[in-house]
């Protein structure tokens, strides 16, 4: 859980959405290519996406869980919300440990990146730049340095129907995560 929460601080939407358990651990293709469908507004992404409660326990004796959501509002605003729980593998309210909301802006980029899903199918991810505008920690503590408003990071994502996956994991030379998150489902 601590790894999960610290990664959120690094680049909220990518890690918030992606680190919430699951996902494909296969290596992505290193291909970065120009995108023919660049948009500066991200209307196609608009909506509320939810990653339901996920058991993040490393051992049965120390249950942990997390849930997250992201709201994308046209033309390019994003709000991501993360809650982590210690002592519960199913997000029991009484065990809420950390509650973090991060806001920012998204801007489309003219690049894509190839990933492979768990079945080996090739997926093409679009890339956006996320710019942090604010953070609110409603419960819990954060150790280490906090990003300042205006800091940016690139994030790869795949939108398929009502399912959103974002790049997560170790950042490669291109600055993007090395695998895709478990799905966030549009509500």
N, C-alpha and C. Protein backbone atom coordinates (compact mmCIF):
# COMPACT_ATOMS: atom_id res chain seq x y z
N UNK A 1 0.82 -1.18 0.00
CA UNK A 1 0.00 0.00 0.00
C UNK A 1 0.87 1.25 0.00
N UNK A 2 1.95 1.24 0.79
CA UNK A 2 2.81 2.42 0.85
C UNK A 2 3.39 2.70 -0.54
N UNK A 3 3.79 1.65 -1.25
CA UNK A 3 4.29 1.80 -2.61
C UNK A 3 3.20 2.41 -3.49
N UNK A 4 1.98 1.91 -3.35
CA UNK A 4 0.85 2.41 -4.13
C UNK A 4 0.67 3.89 -3.89
N UNK A 5 0.63 4.30 -2.61
CA UNK A 5 0.34 5.69 -2.29
C UNK A 5 1.48 6.61 -2.73
N UNK A 6 2.73 6.20 -2.55
CA UNK A 6 3.84 7.06 -2.95
C UNK A 6 3.87 7.26 -4.46
N UNK A 7 3.48 6.26 -5.22
CA UNK A 7 3.46 6.39 -6.66
C UNK A 7 2.39 7.38 -7.12
N UNK A 8 1.30 7.48 -6.35
CA UNK A 8 0.24 8.43 -6.70
C UNK A 8 0.79 9.83 -6.72
N UNK A 9 1.63 10.15 -5.78
CA UNK A 9 2.17 11.49 -5.68
C UNK A 9 3.05 11.83 -6.88
N UNK A 10 3.71 10.85 -7.45
CA UNK A 10 4.61 11.10 -8.57
C UNK A 10 3.86 11.61 -9.80
N UNK A 11 2.82 10.94 -10.20
CA UNK A 11 2.04 11.40 -11.36
C UNK A 11 0.64 10.88 -11.22
N UNK A 12 -0.20 11.67 -10.65
CA UNK A 12 -1.49 11.23 -10.18
C UNK A 12 -2.30 10.39 -11.14
N UNK A 13 -2.80 10.88 -12.25
CA UNK A 13 -3.71 10.04 -13.01
C UNK A 13 -3.08 8.73 -13.46
N UNK A 14 -1.86 8.78 -13.94
CA UNK A 14 -1.26 7.55 -14.42
C UNK A 14 -1.11 6.54 -13.31
N UNK A 15 -0.59 6.98 -12.20
CA UNK A 15 -0.34 6.04 -11.14
C UNK A 15 -1.60 5.79 -10.33
N UNK A 16 -2.36 6.83 -10.10
CA UNK A 16 -3.61 6.65 -9.37
C UNK A 16 -4.47 5.61 -10.04
N UNK A 17 -4.63 5.73 -11.30
CA UNK A 17 -5.46 4.78 -12.02
C UNK A 17 -4.76 3.45 -12.17
N UNK A 18 -3.46 3.49 -12.39
CA UNK A 18 -2.75 2.28 -12.72
C UNK A 18 -2.28 1.46 -11.55
N UNK A 19 -1.93 2.08 -10.47
CA UNK A 19 -1.33 1.32 -9.38
C UNK A 19 -2.36 0.67 -8.50
N UNK A 20 -3.60 0.86 -8.79
CA UNK A 20 -4.68 0.36 -7.93
C UNK A 20 -4.87 -1.14 -8.10
N UNK A 21 -3.76 -1.85 -8.26
CA UNK A 21 -3.83 -3.31 -8.34
C UNK A 21 -4.07 -3.82 -9.74
N UNK A 22 -3.79 -5.09 -9.92
CA UNK A 22 -4.05 -5.74 -11.20
C UNK A 22 -3.19 -5.20 -12.31
N UNK A 23 -3.69 -5.30 -13.53
CA UNK A 23 -2.96 -4.78 -14.67
C UNK A 23 -2.13 -5.83 -15.35
N UNK A 24 -1.58 -5.44 -16.45
CA UNK A 24 -0.78 -6.34 -17.25
C UNK A 24 0.68 -6.10 -16.92
N UNK A 25 1.42 -7.13 -16.62
CA UNK A 25 2.81 -6.96 -16.25
C UNK A 25 3.74 -7.28 -17.41
N UNK A 26 3.21 -7.50 -18.58
CA UNK A 26 4.08 -7.80 -19.72
C UNK A 26 4.78 -6.54 -20.18
N UNK A 27 5.90 -6.69 -20.83
CA UNK A 27 6.67 -5.55 -21.29
C UNK A 27 6.02 -4.91 -22.51
N UNK A 28 6.02 -3.56 -22.52
CA UNK A 28 5.46 -2.89 -23.68
C UNK A 28 6.46 -2.86 -24.81
N UNK A 29 5.95 -2.67 -25.99
CA UNK A 29 6.82 -2.44 -27.13
C UNK A 29 7.41 -1.05 -26.98
N UNK A 30 8.64 -0.81 -27.38
CA UNK A 30 9.22 0.51 -27.22
C UNK A 30 8.77 1.50 -28.28
N UNK A 31 7.81 1.14 -29.08
CA UNK A 31 7.41 2.00 -30.19
C UNK A 31 6.70 3.26 -29.74
N UNK A 32 7.19 4.40 -30.16
CA UNK A 32 6.52 5.69 -29.98
C UNK A 32 6.34 6.23 -31.39
N UNK A 33 5.11 6.61 -31.71
CA UNK A 33 4.84 7.07 -33.06
C UNK A 33 3.95 8.29 -33.04
N UNK A 34 4.02 9.12 -34.08
CA UNK A 34 3.10 10.26 -34.15
C UNK A 34 1.66 9.76 -34.21
N UNK A 35 0.77 10.50 -33.56
CA UNK A 35 -0.65 10.15 -33.59
C UNK A 35 -1.34 10.95 -34.67
N UNK A 36 -2.19 10.30 -35.43
CA UNK A 36 -2.91 11.01 -36.49
C UNK A 36 -4.18 11.64 -35.95
N UNK A 37 -4.52 11.37 -34.68
CA UNK A 37 -5.78 11.88 -34.13
C UNK A 37 -5.55 12.79 -32.93
N UNK A 38 -4.61 13.70 -33.02
CA UNK A 38 -4.33 14.62 -31.93
C UNK A 38 -5.49 15.57 -31.72
N UNK A 39 -5.90 15.71 -30.49
CA UNK A 39 -6.88 16.73 -30.14
C UNK A 39 -6.38 17.47 -28.93
N UNK A 40 -6.60 18.79 -28.91
CA UNK A 40 -6.19 19.56 -27.74
C UNK A 40 -7.27 19.50 -26.67
N UNK A 41 -8.52 19.22 -27.05
CA UNK A 41 -9.55 18.94 -26.06
C UNK A 41 -9.78 17.44 -26.07
N UNK A 42 -10.21 16.94 -24.95
CA UNK A 42 -10.30 15.50 -24.79
C UNK A 42 -11.74 15.08 -24.54
N UNK A 43 -12.66 15.60 -25.36
CA UNK A 43 -14.07 15.32 -25.19
C UNK A 43 -14.38 13.83 -25.19
N UNK A 44 -13.68 13.04 -25.95
CA UNK A 44 -13.93 11.61 -26.00
C UNK A 44 -13.63 10.90 -24.69
N UNK A 45 -12.84 11.54 -23.83
CA UNK A 45 -12.51 10.96 -22.53
C UNK A 45 -13.46 11.41 -21.43
N UNK A 46 -14.29 12.40 -21.70
CA UNK A 46 -15.14 12.98 -20.66
C UNK A 46 -15.95 11.92 -19.94
N UNK A 47 -16.01 12.03 -18.63
CA UNK A 47 -16.82 11.12 -17.84
C UNK A 47 -16.18 10.81 -16.50
N UNK A 48 -16.85 9.96 -15.75
CA UNK A 48 -16.37 9.51 -14.45
C UNK A 48 -15.98 8.04 -14.58
N UNK A 49 -14.75 7.72 -14.20
CA UNK A 49 -14.22 6.36 -14.28
C UNK A 49 -13.90 5.88 -12.87
N UNK A 50 -14.25 4.64 -12.57
CA UNK A 50 -14.08 4.13 -11.21
C UNK A 50 -13.30 2.82 -11.24
N UNK A 51 -12.32 2.73 -10.36
CA UNK A 51 -11.64 1.46 -10.07
C UNK A 51 -12.17 1.03 -8.71
N UNK A 52 -13.02 0.03 -8.71
CA UNK A 52 -13.66 -0.43 -7.47
C UNK A 52 -12.61 -0.91 -6.47
N UNK A 53 -13.05 -1.11 -5.27
CA UNK A 53 -12.17 -1.56 -4.20
C UNK A 53 -11.35 -2.77 -4.64
N UNK A 54 -10.06 -2.73 -4.34
CA UNK A 54 -9.15 -3.80 -4.69
C UNK A 54 -8.34 -4.20 -3.46
N UNK A 55 -8.24 -5.49 -3.23
CA UNK A 55 -7.43 -6.02 -2.13
C UNK A 55 -5.96 -5.82 -2.51
N UNK A 56 -5.25 -5.01 -1.73
CA UNK A 56 -3.84 -4.73 -1.98
C UNK A 56 -2.95 -5.40 -0.93
N UNK A 57 -3.48 -6.39 -0.22
CA UNK A 57 -2.77 -7.04 0.88
C UNK A 57 -1.56 -7.81 0.37
N UNK A 58 -0.46 -7.65 1.09
CA UNK A 58 0.72 -8.46 0.80
C UNK A 58 0.68 -9.74 1.61
N UNK A 59 0.09 -9.68 2.81
CA UNK A 59 -0.07 -10.86 3.64
C UNK A 59 -1.46 -10.84 4.26
N UNK A 60 -2.05 -12.01 4.52
CA UNK A 60 -3.38 -12.04 5.13
C UNK A 60 -3.42 -11.38 6.51
N UNK A 61 -2.30 -11.37 7.21
CA UNK A 61 -2.28 -10.80 8.56
C UNK A 61 -2.29 -9.27 8.56
N UNK A 62 -2.01 -8.65 7.41
CA UNK A 62 -2.02 -7.19 7.31
C UNK A 62 -2.83 -6.76 6.09
N UNK A 63 -4.15 -6.87 6.17
CA UNK A 63 -4.98 -6.53 5.01
C UNK A 63 -4.93 -5.04 4.68
N UNK A 64 -4.91 -4.75 3.40
CA UNK A 64 -4.92 -3.39 2.88
C UNK A 64 -5.78 -3.39 1.63
N UNK A 65 -6.37 -2.24 1.32
CA UNK A 65 -7.17 -2.13 0.11
C UNK A 65 -7.17 -0.69 -0.38
N UNK A 66 -7.66 -0.50 -1.61
CA UNK A 66 -7.68 0.84 -2.20
C UNK A 66 -8.80 0.93 -3.22
N UNK A 67 -9.29 2.13 -3.41
CA UNK A 67 -10.26 2.41 -4.47
C UNK A 67 -9.96 3.81 -5.00
N UNK A 68 -10.35 4.04 -6.27
CA UNK A 68 -10.01 5.31 -6.89
C UNK A 68 -11.04 5.68 -7.94
N UNK A 69 -11.07 6.95 -8.26
CA UNK A 69 -11.92 7.42 -9.35
C UNK A 69 -11.23 8.59 -10.03
N UNK A 70 -11.62 8.80 -11.27
CA UNK A 70 -11.12 9.95 -12.01
C UNK A 70 -12.28 10.55 -12.79
N UNK A 71 -12.39 11.86 -12.74
CA UNK A 71 -13.44 12.58 -13.46
C UNK A 71 -12.75 13.49 -14.47
N UNK A 72 -13.11 13.32 -15.73
CA UNK A 72 -12.55 14.16 -16.80
C UNK A 72 -13.70 15.01 -17.34
N UNK A 73 -13.51 16.33 -17.27
CA UNK A 73 -14.53 17.28 -17.66
C UNK A 73 -14.03 18.10 -18.84
N UNK A 74 -14.80 18.20 -19.94
CA UNK A 74 -14.35 18.98 -21.08
C UNK A 74 -14.17 20.45 -20.69
N UNK A 75 -13.21 21.15 -21.30
CA UNK A 75 -12.42 20.60 -22.38
C UNK A 75 -11.22 19.78 -21.92
N UNK A 76 -10.69 20.00 -20.67
CA UNK A 76 -9.48 19.26 -20.33
C UNK A 76 -9.20 19.17 -18.83
N UNK A 77 -10.18 19.37 -17.97
CA UNK A 77 -9.97 19.29 -16.52
C UNK A 77 -10.06 17.84 -16.04
N UNK A 78 -9.26 17.52 -15.03
CA UNK A 78 -9.28 16.18 -14.45
C UNK A 78 -9.19 16.28 -12.93
N UNK A 79 -9.99 15.45 -12.26
CA UNK A 79 -9.93 15.32 -10.81
C UNK A 79 -9.83 13.83 -10.50
N UNK A 80 -8.82 13.47 -9.73
CA UNK A 80 -8.63 12.07 -9.36
C UNK A 80 -8.72 11.96 -7.85
N UNK A 81 -9.34 10.90 -7.39
CA UNK A 81 -9.57 10.70 -5.96
C UNK A 81 -9.12 9.29 -5.59
N UNK A 82 -8.33 9.19 -4.53
CA UNK A 82 -7.78 7.92 -4.06
C UNK A 82 -8.06 7.76 -2.59
N UNK A 83 -8.51 6.58 -2.20
CA UNK A 83 -8.67 6.24 -0.79
C UNK A 83 -7.97 4.92 -0.54
N UNK A 84 -7.17 4.88 0.54
CA UNK A 84 -6.48 3.65 0.92
C UNK A 84 -6.92 3.26 2.33
N UNK A 85 -6.90 1.95 2.57
CA UNK A 85 -7.41 1.42 3.83
C UNK A 85 -6.39 0.45 4.42
N UNK A 86 -6.11 0.58 5.71
CA UNK A 86 -5.26 -0.37 6.43
C UNK A 86 -6.13 -1.17 7.38
N UNK A 87 -5.97 -2.47 7.38
CA UNK A 87 -6.75 -3.32 8.26
C UNK A 87 -8.01 -3.86 7.61
N UNK A 88 -8.18 -3.61 6.32
CA UNK A 88 -9.34 -4.10 5.60
C UNK A 88 -8.95 -4.45 4.17
N UNK A 89 -9.36 -5.62 3.72
CA UNK A 89 -9.12 -6.02 2.33
C UNK A 89 -10.29 -5.64 1.44
N UNK A 90 -11.32 -4.97 2.04
CA UNK A 90 -12.50 -4.62 1.25
C UNK A 90 -12.98 -3.19 1.48
N UNK A 91 -12.06 -2.25 1.73
CA UNK A 91 -12.35 -0.81 1.81
C UNK A 91 -13.41 -0.48 2.86
N UNK A 92 -13.29 -1.07 4.03
CA UNK A 92 -14.20 -0.77 5.12
C UNK A 92 -13.95 0.65 5.62
N UNK A 93 -15.01 1.47 5.67
CA UNK A 93 -14.88 2.90 5.99
C UNK A 93 -14.12 3.16 7.29
N UNK A 94 -14.32 2.33 8.29
CA UNK A 94 -13.67 2.54 9.58
C UNK A 94 -12.15 2.40 9.51
N UNK A 95 -11.63 1.78 8.43
CA UNK A 95 -10.18 1.57 8.32
C UNK A 95 -9.52 2.54 7.33
N UNK A 96 -10.26 3.60 6.91
CA UNK A 96 -9.70 4.58 5.98
C UNK A 96 -8.42 5.17 6.55
N UNK A 97 -7.34 5.07 5.79
CA UNK A 97 -6.04 5.60 6.25
C UNK A 97 -5.67 6.87 5.50
N UNK A 98 -5.86 6.89 4.19
CA UNK A 98 -5.48 8.06 3.40
C UNK A 98 -6.58 8.38 2.40
N UNK A 99 -6.81 9.69 2.23
CA UNK A 99 -7.84 10.17 1.31
C UNK A 99 -7.25 11.37 0.57
N UNK A 100 -6.96 11.19 -0.70
CA UNK A 100 -6.25 12.19 -1.49
C UNK A 100 -7.02 12.54 -2.75
N UNK A 101 -7.13 13.83 -3.03
CA UNK A 101 -7.73 14.31 -4.27
C UNK A 101 -6.70 15.18 -4.98
N UNK A 102 -6.53 14.96 -6.26
CA UNK A 102 -5.59 15.72 -7.07
C UNK A 102 -6.34 16.26 -8.28
N UNK A 103 -6.07 17.53 -8.61
CA UNK A 103 -6.70 18.15 -9.77
C UNK A 103 -5.63 18.59 -10.76
N UNK A 104 -6.04 18.68 -12.02
CA UNK A 104 -5.09 19.11 -13.04
C UNK A 104 -5.76 19.32 -14.37
N UNK A 105 -4.93 19.55 -15.35
CA UNK A 105 -5.36 19.77 -16.73
C UNK A 105 -4.66 18.75 -17.62
N UNK A 106 -5.36 18.32 -18.66
CA UNK A 106 -4.80 17.38 -19.63
C UNK A 106 -4.67 18.07 -20.97
N UNK A 107 -3.63 17.73 -21.70
CA UNK A 107 -3.45 18.23 -23.05
C UNK A 107 -3.00 17.07 -23.92
N UNK A 108 -3.73 16.85 -25.03
CA UNK A 108 -3.38 15.77 -25.95
C UNK A 108 -2.01 16.00 -26.58
N UNK A 109 -1.34 14.91 -26.88
CA UNK A 109 -0.05 14.96 -27.56
C UNK A 109 -0.14 14.17 -28.86
N UNK A 110 0.80 14.42 -29.73
CA UNK A 110 0.82 13.77 -31.04
C UNK A 110 1.69 12.51 -31.02
N UNK A 111 1.57 11.72 -29.96
CA UNK A 111 2.34 10.48 -29.88
C UNK A 111 1.45 9.35 -29.39
N UNK A 112 1.87 8.15 -29.70
CA UNK A 112 1.23 6.94 -29.18
C UNK A 112 2.32 6.00 -28.71
N UNK A 113 1.92 4.98 -27.99
CA UNK A 113 2.87 3.96 -27.55
C UNK A 113 2.16 2.61 -27.60
N UNK A 114 2.89 1.59 -28.00
CA UNK A 114 2.32 0.24 -28.06
C UNK A 114 2.56 -0.50 -26.76
N UNK A 115 1.53 -1.19 -26.31
CA UNK A 115 1.60 -2.07 -25.14
C UNK A 115 1.02 -3.41 -25.56
N UNK A 116 1.29 -4.43 -24.76
CA UNK A 116 0.66 -5.74 -24.96
C UNK A 116 -0.17 -6.04 -23.72
N UNK A 117 -1.38 -6.58 -23.95
CA UNK A 117 -2.19 -6.97 -22.81
C UNK A 117 -1.78 -8.36 -22.34
N UNK A 118 -2.47 -8.88 -21.33
CA UNK A 118 -2.11 -10.18 -20.75
C UNK A 118 -2.19 -11.32 -21.75
N UNK A 119 -3.00 -11.17 -22.81
CA UNK A 119 -3.12 -12.22 -23.81
C UNK A 119 -2.12 -12.06 -24.95
N UNK A 120 -1.31 -11.00 -24.90
CA UNK A 120 -0.33 -10.74 -25.96
C UNK A 120 -0.85 -9.85 -27.07
N UNK A 121 -2.11 -9.43 -26.97
CA UNK A 121 -2.70 -8.54 -27.98
C UNK A 121 -2.05 -7.16 -27.88
N UNK A 122 -1.70 -6.60 -29.03
CA UNK A 122 -1.10 -5.28 -29.08
C UNK A 122 -2.17 -4.20 -28.93
N UNK A 123 -1.92 -3.24 -28.06
CA UNK A 123 -2.82 -2.12 -27.84
C UNK A 123 -2.07 -0.82 -28.11
N UNK A 124 -2.73 0.14 -28.72
CA UNK A 124 -2.12 1.44 -28.97
C UNK A 124 -2.65 2.44 -27.96
N UNK A 125 -1.75 3.01 -27.20
CA UNK A 125 -2.10 3.99 -26.18
C UNK A 125 -1.83 5.39 -26.71
N UNK A 126 -2.75 6.30 -26.46
CA UNK A 126 -2.52 7.72 -26.74
C UNK A 126 -1.77 8.32 -25.57
N UNK A 127 -1.21 9.50 -25.76
CA UNK A 127 -0.44 10.15 -24.72
C UNK A 127 -1.01 11.54 -24.47
N UNK A 128 -1.10 11.90 -23.19
CA UNK A 128 -1.51 13.24 -22.78
C UNK A 128 -0.46 13.78 -21.82
N UNK A 129 -0.42 15.09 -21.71
CA UNK A 129 0.40 15.73 -20.69
C UNK A 129 -0.53 16.17 -19.57
N UNK A 130 -0.22 15.76 -18.34
CA UNK A 130 -0.97 16.15 -17.15
C UNK A 130 -0.22 17.27 -16.46
N UNK A 131 -0.93 18.36 -16.14
CA UNK A 131 -0.36 19.49 -15.41
C UNK A 131 -1.10 19.62 -14.08
N UNK A 132 -0.39 19.50 -12.97
CA UNK A 132 -0.98 19.55 -11.64
C UNK A 132 -1.47 20.96 -11.32
N UNK A 133 -2.72 21.07 -10.83
CA UNK A 133 -3.23 22.36 -10.37
C UNK A 133 -3.48 22.38 -8.87
N UNK A 134 -3.67 21.23 -8.24
CA UNK A 134 -3.89 21.22 -6.80
C UNK A 134 -3.96 19.83 -6.22
N UNK A 135 -3.79 19.76 -4.88
CA UNK A 135 -3.86 18.52 -4.13
C UNK A 135 -4.53 18.78 -2.80
N UNK A 136 -5.40 17.87 -2.37
CA UNK A 136 -6.00 17.96 -1.05
C UNK A 136 -5.87 16.60 -0.38
N UNK A 137 -5.25 16.59 0.78
CA UNK A 137 -5.14 15.38 1.58
C UNK A 137 -6.15 15.52 2.71
N UNK A 138 -7.28 14.82 2.62
CA UNK A 138 -8.34 14.92 3.62
C UNK A 138 -8.04 14.09 4.85
N UNK A 139 -7.29 13.02 4.69
CA UNK A 139 -6.93 12.16 5.81
C UNK A 139 -5.60 11.51 5.50
N UNK A 140 -4.79 11.36 6.54
CA UNK A 140 -3.52 10.68 6.38
C UNK A 140 -2.36 11.64 6.33
N UNK A 141 -1.21 11.09 6.02
CA UNK A 141 0.01 11.89 5.94
C UNK A 141 0.77 11.50 4.68
N UNK A 142 1.62 12.41 4.27
CA UNK A 142 2.49 12.16 3.12
C UNK A 142 3.91 12.50 3.56
N UNK A 143 4.83 11.60 3.27
CA UNK A 143 6.22 11.89 3.57
C UNK A 143 6.96 12.16 2.28
N UNK A 144 8.01 12.94 2.36
CA UNK A 144 8.79 13.27 1.17
C UNK A 144 8.35 14.58 0.56
N UNK A 145 8.89 14.88 -0.59
CA UNK A 145 8.60 16.14 -1.28
C UNK A 145 7.30 16.05 -2.04
N UNK A 146 6.53 17.11 -2.00
CA UNK A 146 5.28 17.17 -2.75
C UNK A 146 5.51 17.91 -4.06
N UNK A 147 4.83 17.49 -5.11
CA UNK A 147 4.95 18.23 -6.37
C UNK A 147 4.28 19.60 -6.23
N UNK A 148 4.77 20.56 -6.96
CA UNK A 148 4.20 21.90 -6.91
C UNK A 148 3.24 22.10 -8.07
N UNK A 149 2.22 22.95 -7.88
CA UNK A 149 1.31 23.22 -8.99
C UNK A 149 2.08 23.65 -10.24
N UNK A 150 1.63 23.15 -11.37
CA UNK A 150 2.28 23.45 -12.64
C UNK A 150 3.21 22.36 -13.12
N UNK A 151 3.62 21.45 -12.21
CA UNK A 151 4.50 20.36 -12.63
C UNK A 151 3.75 19.50 -13.64
N UNK A 152 4.45 18.99 -14.64
CA UNK A 152 3.80 18.20 -15.68
C UNK A 152 4.44 16.82 -15.79
N UNK A 153 3.66 15.89 -16.32
CA UNK A 153 4.16 14.56 -16.63
C UNK A 153 3.33 14.01 -17.78
N UNK A 154 3.94 13.19 -18.61
CA UNK A 154 3.21 12.54 -19.70
C UNK A 154 2.62 11.23 -19.20
N UNK A 155 1.42 10.92 -19.72
CA UNK A 155 0.69 9.73 -19.32
C UNK A 155 0.12 9.06 -20.56
N UNK A 156 0.33 7.76 -20.69
CA UNK A 156 -0.27 7.00 -21.80
C UNK A 156 -1.57 6.38 -21.30
N UNK A 157 -2.56 6.29 -22.20
CA UNK A 157 -3.84 5.69 -21.83
C UNK A 157 -4.46 4.96 -23.01
N UNK A 158 -5.29 3.98 -22.69
CA UNK A 158 -6.06 3.26 -23.68
C UNK A 158 -7.53 3.36 -23.26
N UNK A 159 -8.36 3.91 -24.15
CA UNK A 159 -9.79 3.97 -23.92
C UNK A 159 -10.45 3.01 -24.89
N UNK A 160 -11.15 2.01 -24.35
CA UNK A 160 -11.82 1.01 -25.18
C UNK A 160 -13.25 0.88 -24.68
N UNK A 161 -14.19 1.43 -25.43
CA UNK A 161 -15.57 1.42 -24.99
C UNK A 161 -15.72 2.24 -23.73
N UNK A 162 -16.17 1.62 -22.64
CA UNK A 162 -16.31 2.33 -21.38
C UNK A 162 -15.21 1.98 -20.38
N UNK A 163 -14.10 1.47 -20.89
CA UNK A 163 -12.99 1.06 -20.04
C UNK A 163 -11.75 1.89 -20.33
N UNK A 164 -11.16 2.42 -19.27
CA UNK A 164 -9.96 3.24 -19.36
C UNK A 164 -8.83 2.55 -18.62
N UNK A 165 -7.69 2.38 -19.28
CA UNK A 165 -6.47 1.89 -18.65
C UNK A 165 -5.40 2.95 -18.87
N UNK A 166 -4.55 3.14 -17.88
CA UNK A 166 -3.45 4.09 -18.03
C UNK A 166 -2.13 3.38 -17.77
N UNK A 167 -1.08 3.98 -18.27
CA UNK A 167 0.25 3.39 -18.05
C UNK A 167 0.61 3.53 -16.58
N UNK A 168 1.27 2.50 -16.08
CA UNK A 168 1.71 2.49 -14.69
C UNK A 168 3.07 1.81 -14.64
N UNK A 169 3.59 1.67 -13.45
CA UNK A 169 4.84 0.94 -13.26
C UNK A 169 6.06 1.81 -13.47
N UNK A 170 7.16 1.16 -13.72
CA UNK A 170 8.42 1.87 -13.91
C UNK A 170 8.38 2.71 -15.17
N UNK A 171 8.84 3.94 -15.05
CA UNK A 171 8.90 4.82 -16.22
C UNK A 171 10.11 4.43 -17.07
N UNK A 172 9.85 4.31 -18.36
CA UNK A 172 10.91 3.94 -19.28
C UNK A 172 11.58 5.20 -19.81
N UNK A 173 12.50 5.04 -20.75
CA UNK A 173 13.24 6.17 -21.30
C UNK A 173 12.33 7.23 -21.91
N UNK A 174 11.15 6.82 -22.40
CA UNK A 174 10.21 7.78 -22.98
C UNK A 174 9.40 8.51 -21.91
N UNK A 175 9.61 8.17 -20.63
CA UNK A 175 8.90 8.82 -19.54
C UNK A 175 7.55 8.19 -19.23
N UNK A 176 7.16 7.16 -19.96
CA UNK A 176 5.85 6.53 -19.77
C UNK A 176 5.99 5.21 -19.02
N UNK A 177 4.94 4.83 -18.29
CA UNK A 177 4.95 3.58 -17.54
C UNK A 177 5.16 2.38 -18.43
N UNK A 178 5.64 1.29 -17.83
CA UNK A 178 6.00 0.10 -18.61
C UNK A 178 4.88 -0.93 -18.74
N UNK A 179 3.70 -0.68 -18.16
CA UNK A 179 2.58 -1.59 -18.29
C UNK A 179 1.28 -0.80 -18.13
N UNK A 180 0.16 -1.47 -18.33
CA UNK A 180 -1.15 -0.82 -18.22
C UNK A 180 -1.86 -1.23 -16.94
N UNK A 181 -2.63 -0.30 -16.39
CA UNK A 181 -3.39 -0.51 -15.17
C UNK A 181 -4.51 -1.50 -15.37
N UNK A 182 -5.10 -1.91 -14.26
CA UNK A 182 -6.36 -2.63 -14.34
C UNK A 182 -7.40 -1.63 -14.83
N UNK A 183 -8.53 -2.06 -15.32
CA UNK A 183 -9.49 -1.14 -15.92
C UNK A 183 -10.22 -0.26 -14.92
N UNK A 184 -10.45 0.97 -15.35
CA UNK A 184 -11.38 1.88 -14.71
C UNK A 184 -12.61 1.88 -15.58
N UNK A 185 -13.76 1.72 -14.99
CA UNK A 185 -15.00 1.58 -15.75
C UNK A 185 -15.78 2.89 -15.70
N UNK A 186 -16.23 3.33 -16.86
CA UNK A 186 -17.00 4.57 -16.94
C UNK A 186 -18.37 4.36 -16.31
N UNK A 187 -18.75 5.28 -15.48
CA UNK A 187 -20.04 5.20 -14.77
C UNK A 187 -21.12 5.92 -15.54
